[in-house]
Amino acid sequence: QVQLVESGGGLVQAGGSLRLSCAASGRTFSVSAMGWFRQAPGKEREFVAVISWRGGITGYGNSVKGRFIISRDNAKSTVYLQMNSLEPEDTAVYYCAAKSSTPSQAPGDYSYWGQGTQVTVSS
């Protein structure tokens, strides 16, 4: 099993920045990729970003490309999501997820999920 704990969410004004963290524990040697997803009320879970655990290959959803940056610290088993130029449309619960194979944008491909952290962007 892999446990994931997100932190760093909060309330920010439009145009501001936040950095989310996701600390992994347990059988982290089995993790090959970690992703960030978000879900706003009444909407489906949306892919935000993904990073491969060893090669550092990254991918981003179209709505965040150029504004968000995903990174990892293997020594700390932690993945980060730097969110810049935040917009009210970015308001959602942000989830960290992990999987044991190649990076993917589909939520159903991920085996492990964190509890989520709320991000609210005011206009």
N, C-alpha and C. Protein backbone atom coordinates (compact mmCIF):
# COMPACT_ATOMS: atom_id res chain seq x y z
N GLN A 1 0.83 -1.20 0.00
CA GLN A 1 0.00 0.00 0.00
C GLN A 1 0.87 1.26 0.00
N VAL A 2 0.35 2.30 -0.58
CA VAL A 2 1.00 3.60 -0.60
C VAL A 2 0.04 4.60 0.01
N GLN A 3 0.54 5.39 0.94
CA GLN A 3 -0.27 6.43 1.56
C GLN A 3 0.18 7.79 1.02
N LEU A 4 -0.79 8.63 0.74
CA LEU A 4 -0.51 9.96 0.19
C LEU A 4 -1.18 11.02 1.06
N VAL A 5 -0.45 12.05 1.39
CA VAL A 5 -0.99 13.13 2.22
C VAL A 5 -0.68 14.46 1.54
N GLU A 6 -1.75 15.18 1.17
CA GLU A 6 -1.59 16.48 0.53
C GLU A 6 -1.59 17.58 1.57
N SER A 7 -0.96 18.69 1.22
CA SER A 7 -0.98 19.88 2.06
C SER A 7 -0.73 21.10 1.19
N GLY A 8 -1.01 22.27 1.73
CA GLY A 8 -0.70 23.51 1.03
C GLY A 8 -1.89 24.24 0.43
N GLY A 9 -3.07 23.66 0.52
CA GLY A 9 -4.22 24.34 -0.02
C GLY A 9 -4.60 25.55 0.82
N GLY A 10 -5.54 26.35 0.31
CA GLY A 10 -6.00 27.51 1.05
C GLY A 10 -6.74 28.48 0.16
N LEU A 11 -6.90 29.69 0.68
CA LEU A 11 -7.61 30.75 -0.01
C LEU A 11 -6.60 31.76 -0.56
N VAL A 12 -6.74 32.10 -1.83
CA VAL A 12 -5.81 33.04 -2.46
C VAL A 12 -6.59 33.91 -3.43
N GLN A 13 -6.12 35.12 -3.64
CA GLN A 13 -6.76 36.01 -4.60
C GLN A 13 -6.34 35.65 -6.02
N ALA A 14 -7.18 35.98 -6.96
CA ALA A 14 -6.85 35.76 -8.37
C ALA A 14 -5.53 36.43 -8.72
N GLY A 15 -4.72 35.71 -9.47
CA GLY A 15 -3.39 36.20 -9.82
C GLY A 15 -2.31 35.74 -8.88
N GLY A 16 -2.70 35.19 -7.74
CA GLY A 16 -1.74 34.75 -6.75
C GLY A 16 -1.21 33.35 -7.02
N SER A 17 -0.42 32.85 -6.07
CA SER A 17 0.23 31.55 -6.21
C SER A 17 0.05 30.72 -4.96
N LEU A 18 0.09 29.41 -5.15
CA LEU A 18 0.10 28.44 -4.05
C LEU A 18 0.99 27.29 -4.46
N ARG A 19 1.56 26.61 -3.47
CA ARG A 19 2.30 25.38 -3.74
C ARG A 19 1.72 24.25 -2.92
N LEU A 20 1.26 23.23 -3.62
CA LEU A 20 0.76 22.03 -2.97
C LEU A 20 1.87 21.01 -2.84
N SER A 21 1.80 20.23 -1.77
CA SER A 21 2.75 19.14 -1.55
C SER A 21 1.99 17.85 -1.37
N CYS A 22 2.61 16.76 -1.77
CA CYS A 22 2.04 15.43 -1.59
C CYS A 22 3.15 14.51 -1.12
N ALA A 23 3.07 14.09 0.13
CA ALA A 23 4.07 13.21 0.70
C ALA A 23 3.61 11.76 0.61
N ALA A 24 4.44 10.92 0.04
CA ALA A 24 4.12 9.50 -0.11
C ALA A 24 4.86 8.68 0.93
N SER A 25 4.20 7.64 1.42
CA SER A 25 4.83 6.72 2.36
C SER A 25 4.34 5.31 2.08
N GLY A 26 4.97 4.34 2.71
CA GLY A 26 4.62 2.96 2.48
C GLY A 26 5.47 2.36 1.37
N ARG A 27 4.85 1.63 0.47
CA ARG A 27 5.57 0.93 -0.59
C ARG A 27 5.88 1.87 -1.76
N THR A 28 6.62 2.93 -1.48
CA THR A 28 6.88 3.94 -2.50
C THR A 28 7.76 3.41 -3.63
N PHE A 29 8.48 2.31 -3.38
CA PHE A 29 9.32 1.75 -4.44
C PHE A 29 8.47 1.24 -5.60
N SER A 30 7.20 1.02 -5.34
CA SER A 30 6.31 0.52 -6.39
C SER A 30 5.72 1.64 -7.24
N VAL A 31 5.97 2.89 -6.86
CA VAL A 31 5.38 4.02 -7.57
C VAL A 31 6.21 4.38 -8.79
N SER A 32 5.56 4.51 -9.95
CA SER A 32 6.24 4.92 -11.17
C SER A 32 5.83 6.30 -11.63
N ALA A 33 4.66 6.73 -11.24
CA ALA A 33 4.18 8.05 -11.65
C ALA A 33 3.24 8.60 -10.60
N MET A 34 3.23 9.91 -10.48
CA MET A 34 2.31 10.57 -9.55
C MET A 34 1.64 11.71 -10.28
N GLY A 35 0.37 11.88 -9.99
CA GLY A 35 -0.39 12.90 -10.67
C GLY A 35 -1.18 13.77 -9.72
N TRP A 36 -1.57 14.92 -10.23
CA TRP A 36 -2.49 15.81 -9.52
C TRP A 36 -3.78 15.90 -10.33
N PHE A 37 -4.89 15.81 -9.63
CA PHE A 37 -6.21 15.96 -10.21
C PHE A 37 -6.98 16.96 -9.38
N ARG A 38 -8.06 17.47 -9.94
CA ARG A 38 -8.90 18.38 -9.17
C ARG A 38 -10.36 18.12 -9.49
N GLN A 39 -11.21 18.47 -8.53
CA GLN A 39 -12.63 18.28 -8.73
C GLN A 39 -13.38 19.44 -8.11
N ALA A 40 -14.12 20.16 -8.94
CA ALA A 40 -14.97 21.25 -8.48
C ALA A 40 -16.37 20.71 -8.25
N PRO A 41 -17.17 21.38 -7.42
CA PRO A 41 -18.52 20.91 -7.14
C PRO A 41 -19.33 20.72 -8.42
N GLY A 42 -19.95 19.57 -8.55
CA GLY A 42 -20.79 19.29 -9.69
C GLY A 42 -20.06 18.94 -10.96
N LYS A 43 -18.73 18.83 -10.89
CA LYS A 43 -17.95 18.52 -12.08
C LYS A 43 -17.18 17.22 -11.89
N GLU A 44 -16.75 16.65 -13.01
CA GLU A 44 -15.96 15.43 -12.96
C GLU A 44 -14.53 15.74 -12.52
N ARG A 45 -13.85 14.70 -12.04
CA ARG A 45 -12.45 14.86 -11.66
C ARG A 45 -11.62 15.14 -12.91
N GLU A 46 -10.79 16.15 -12.83
CA GLU A 46 -10.05 16.66 -13.98
C GLU A 46 -8.55 16.46 -13.79
N PHE A 47 -7.89 15.99 -14.84
CA PHE A 47 -6.44 15.84 -14.82
C PHE A 47 -5.78 17.22 -14.78
N VAL A 48 -4.77 17.36 -13.91
CA VAL A 48 -4.03 18.62 -13.80
C VAL A 48 -2.59 18.44 -14.29
N ALA A 49 -1.87 17.49 -13.70
CA ALA A 49 -0.46 17.30 -14.05
C ALA A 49 0.00 15.91 -13.61
N VAL A 50 1.07 15.43 -14.25
CA VAL A 50 1.63 14.13 -13.91
C VAL A 50 3.15 14.20 -14.07
N ILE A 51 3.85 13.40 -13.27
CA ILE A 51 5.30 13.32 -13.37
C ILE A 51 5.72 11.88 -13.16
N SER A 52 6.68 11.44 -13.98
CA SER A 52 7.21 10.10 -13.77
C SER A 52 8.20 10.16 -12.61
N TRP A 53 8.22 9.12 -11.83
CA TRP A 53 8.96 9.18 -10.57
C TRP A 53 10.46 9.16 -10.79
N ARG A 54 10.93 8.48 -11.82
CA ARG A 54 12.37 8.34 -12.01
C ARG A 54 12.92 9.25 -13.10
N GLY A 55 12.23 9.35 -14.21
CA GLY A 55 12.74 10.13 -15.33
C GLY A 55 12.36 11.59 -15.31
N GLY A 56 11.38 11.94 -14.47
CA GLY A 56 10.97 13.33 -14.39
C GLY A 56 10.16 13.81 -15.58
N ILE A 57 9.65 12.90 -16.37
CA ILE A 57 8.81 13.29 -17.51
C ILE A 57 7.51 13.88 -16.97
N THR A 58 7.10 15.02 -17.53
CA THR A 58 5.92 15.70 -17.03
C THR A 58 4.86 15.88 -18.12
N GLY A 59 3.62 16.07 -17.67
CA GLY A 59 2.51 16.36 -18.56
C GLY A 59 1.50 17.23 -17.85
N TYR A 60 0.78 18.06 -18.59
CA TYR A 60 -0.15 19.01 -17.99
C TYR A 60 -1.48 19.02 -18.73
N GLY A 61 -2.53 19.31 -17.98
CA GLY A 61 -3.82 19.54 -18.59
C GLY A 61 -3.82 20.88 -19.32
N ASN A 62 -4.64 20.99 -20.34
CA ASN A 62 -4.63 22.20 -21.17
C ASN A 62 -4.99 23.45 -20.36
N SER A 63 -5.84 23.31 -19.37
CA SER A 63 -6.30 24.47 -18.62
C SER A 63 -5.24 25.04 -17.68
N VAL A 64 -4.18 24.28 -17.41
CA VAL A 64 -3.15 24.76 -16.47
C VAL A 64 -1.79 24.90 -17.13
N LYS A 65 -1.66 24.46 -18.36
CA LYS A 65 -0.37 24.50 -19.05
C LYS A 65 0.15 25.93 -19.10
N GLY A 66 1.42 26.10 -18.71
CA GLY A 66 2.03 27.42 -18.69
C GLY A 66 1.86 28.16 -17.38
N ARG A 67 0.98 27.66 -16.50
CA ARG A 67 0.76 28.32 -15.20
C ARG A 67 1.19 27.44 -14.03
N PHE A 68 1.02 26.14 -14.15
CA PHE A 68 1.34 25.20 -13.07
C PHE A 68 2.62 24.43 -13.41
N ILE A 69 3.36 24.08 -12.37
CA ILE A 69 4.58 23.29 -12.55
C ILE A 69 4.58 22.15 -11.55
N ILE A 70 4.76 20.93 -12.04
CA ILE A 70 4.86 19.76 -11.17
C ILE A 70 6.34 19.39 -11.04
N SER A 71 6.73 19.01 -9.83
CA SER A 71 8.11 18.60 -9.59
C SER A 71 8.11 17.54 -8.50
N ARG A 72 9.27 16.93 -8.30
CA ARG A 72 9.36 15.87 -7.30
C ARG A 72 10.68 15.96 -6.56
N ASP A 73 10.68 15.44 -5.35
CA ASP A 73 11.89 15.28 -4.55
C ASP A 73 11.92 13.82 -4.14
N ASN A 74 12.70 13.04 -4.87
CA ASN A 74 12.71 11.60 -4.61
C ASN A 74 13.19 11.27 -3.20
N ALA A 75 14.14 12.03 -2.71
CA ALA A 75 14.68 11.77 -1.38
C ALA A 75 13.62 11.93 -0.29
N LYS A 76 12.68 12.82 -0.54
CA LYS A 76 11.60 13.07 0.43
C LYS A 76 10.32 12.36 0.03
N SER A 77 10.34 11.63 -1.07
CA SER A 77 9.12 10.96 -1.58
C SER A 77 7.96 11.94 -1.65
N THR A 78 8.23 13.11 -2.17
CA THR A 78 7.24 14.18 -2.19
C THR A 78 7.13 14.77 -3.60
N VAL A 79 5.91 15.03 -3.99
CA VAL A 79 5.62 15.70 -5.25
C VAL A 79 5.00 17.06 -4.94
N TYR A 80 5.35 18.04 -5.75
CA TYR A 80 4.85 19.39 -5.55
C TYR A 80 4.07 19.86 -6.77
N LEU A 81 3.15 20.78 -6.52
CA LEU A 81 2.45 21.44 -7.61
C LEU A 81 2.50 22.94 -7.35
N GLN A 82 3.34 23.63 -8.09
CA GLN A 82 3.43 25.08 -7.99
C GLN A 82 2.37 25.68 -8.90
N MET A 83 1.46 26.43 -8.32
CA MET A 83 0.35 27.00 -9.07
C MET A 83 0.49 28.51 -9.12
N ASN A 84 0.66 29.05 -10.30
CA ASN A 84 0.83 30.48 -10.50
C ASN A 84 -0.32 31.06 -11.30
N SER A 85 -0.46 32.36 -11.25
CA SER A 85 -1.51 33.06 -12.00
C SER A 85 -2.87 32.39 -11.79
N LEU A 86 -3.20 32.14 -10.55
CA LEU A 86 -4.43 31.41 -10.25
C LEU A 86 -5.67 32.21 -10.65
N GLU A 87 -6.66 31.47 -11.09
CA GLU A 87 -7.93 32.04 -11.55
C GLU A 87 -9.05 31.45 -10.73
N PRO A 88 -10.19 32.16 -10.61
CA PRO A 88 -11.33 31.59 -9.88
C PRO A 88 -11.73 30.20 -10.40
N GLU A 89 -11.51 29.96 -11.68
CA GLU A 89 -11.86 28.66 -12.27
C GLU A 89 -10.96 27.53 -11.76
N ASP A 90 -9.88 27.87 -11.08
CA ASP A 90 -9.00 26.86 -10.49
C ASP A 90 -9.51 26.36 -9.14
N THR A 91 -10.57 26.98 -8.63
CA THR A 91 -11.13 26.57 -7.35
C THR A 91 -11.63 25.14 -7.42
N ALA A 92 -11.14 24.30 -6.52
CA ALA A 92 -11.49 22.88 -6.52
C ALA A 92 -10.80 22.20 -5.35
N VAL A 93 -11.17 20.95 -5.11
CA VAL A 93 -10.38 20.09 -4.23
C VAL A 93 -9.32 19.43 -5.10
N TYR A 94 -8.09 19.54 -4.67
CA TYR A 94 -6.96 18.99 -5.42
C TYR A 94 -6.52 17.69 -4.77
N TYR A 95 -6.38 16.66 -5.60
CA TYR A 95 -6.01 15.33 -5.14
C TYR A 95 -4.68 14.91 -5.75
N CYS A 96 -3.88 14.24 -4.94
CA CYS A 96 -2.66 13.61 -5.38
C CYS A 96 -2.96 12.13 -5.59
N ALA A 97 -2.34 11.54 -6.61
CA ALA A 97 -2.57 10.14 -6.90
C ALA A 97 -1.27 9.48 -7.36
N ALA A 98 -1.17 8.17 -7.15
CA ALA A 98 0.03 7.43 -7.53
C ALA A 98 -0.35 6.15 -8.26
N LYS A 99 0.54 5.75 -9.17
CA LYS A 99 0.31 4.52 -9.93
C LYS A 99 1.63 3.81 -10.14
N SER A 100 1.54 2.52 -10.53
CA SER A 100 2.74 1.69 -10.62
C SER A 100 3.21 1.48 -12.04
N SER A 101 2.66 2.22 -13.00
CA SER A 101 3.11 2.05 -14.38
C SER A 101 3.29 3.44 -15.00
N THR A 102 3.27 3.51 -16.32
CA THR A 102 3.61 4.75 -17.03
C THR A 102 2.63 5.88 -16.69
N PRO A 103 3.09 7.13 -16.81
CA PRO A 103 2.21 8.27 -16.52
C PRO A 103 0.93 8.24 -17.34
N SER A 104 -0.14 8.69 -16.72
CA SER A 104 -1.44 8.65 -17.37
C SER A 104 -2.27 9.84 -16.95
N GLN A 105 -3.22 10.23 -17.79
CA GLN A 105 -4.13 11.33 -17.47
C GLN A 105 -5.48 10.84 -16.99
N ALA A 106 -5.70 9.55 -16.98
CA ALA A 106 -7.00 9.00 -16.61
C ALA A 106 -7.05 8.68 -15.12
N PRO A 107 -7.99 9.27 -14.39
CA PRO A 107 -8.08 8.99 -12.96
C PRO A 107 -8.22 7.50 -12.64
N GLY A 108 -8.90 6.78 -13.48
CA GLY A 108 -9.12 5.36 -13.24
C GLY A 108 -7.86 4.52 -13.29
N ASP A 109 -6.78 5.08 -13.82
CA ASP A 109 -5.52 4.34 -13.91
C ASP A 109 -4.72 4.37 -12.62
N TYR A 110 -5.14 5.21 -11.68
CA TYR A 110 -4.37 5.40 -10.46
C TYR A 110 -4.93 4.54 -9.33
N SER A 111 -4.00 3.91 -8.59
CA SER A 111 -4.39 2.98 -7.54
C SER A 111 -4.49 3.64 -6.17
N TYR A 112 -3.75 4.70 -5.97
CA TYR A 112 -3.68 5.31 -4.64
C TYR A 112 -4.03 6.80 -4.73
N TRP A 113 -4.79 7.25 -3.72
CA TRP A 113 -5.26 8.63 -3.70
C TRP A 113 -5.08 9.23 -2.31
N GLY A 114 -4.79 10.54 -2.30
CA GLY A 114 -4.80 11.26 -1.04
C GLY A 114 -6.21 11.71 -0.69
N GLN A 115 -6.32 12.40 0.42
CA GLN A 115 -7.63 12.82 0.93
C GLN A 115 -8.11 14.12 0.27
N GLY A 116 -7.20 14.83 -0.39
CA GLY A 116 -7.56 16.06 -1.06
C GLY A 116 -7.30 17.29 -0.21
N THR A 117 -7.03 18.41 -0.89
CA THR A 117 -6.84 19.68 -0.20
C THR A 117 -7.59 20.76 -1.00
N GLN A 118 -8.30 21.61 -0.27
CA GLN A 118 -9.15 22.61 -0.92
C GLN A 118 -8.32 23.82 -1.36
N VAL A 119 -8.53 24.23 -2.59
CA VAL A 119 -7.95 25.46 -3.11
C VAL A 119 -9.10 26.36 -3.54
N THR A 120 -9.14 27.56 -2.99
CA THR A 120 -10.18 28.52 -3.33
C THR A 120 -9.52 29.80 -3.82
N VAL A 121 -9.92 30.22 -5.02
CA VAL A 121 -9.37 31.43 -5.62
C VAL A 121 -10.48 32.46 -5.70
N SER A 122 -10.30 33.58 -5.04
CA SER A 122 -11.31 34.62 -5.03
C SER A 122 -11.01 35.64 -6.13
N SER A 123 -12.11 36.21 -6.67
CA SER A 123 -11.96 37.17 -7.78
C SER A 123 -11.80 38.58 -7.26
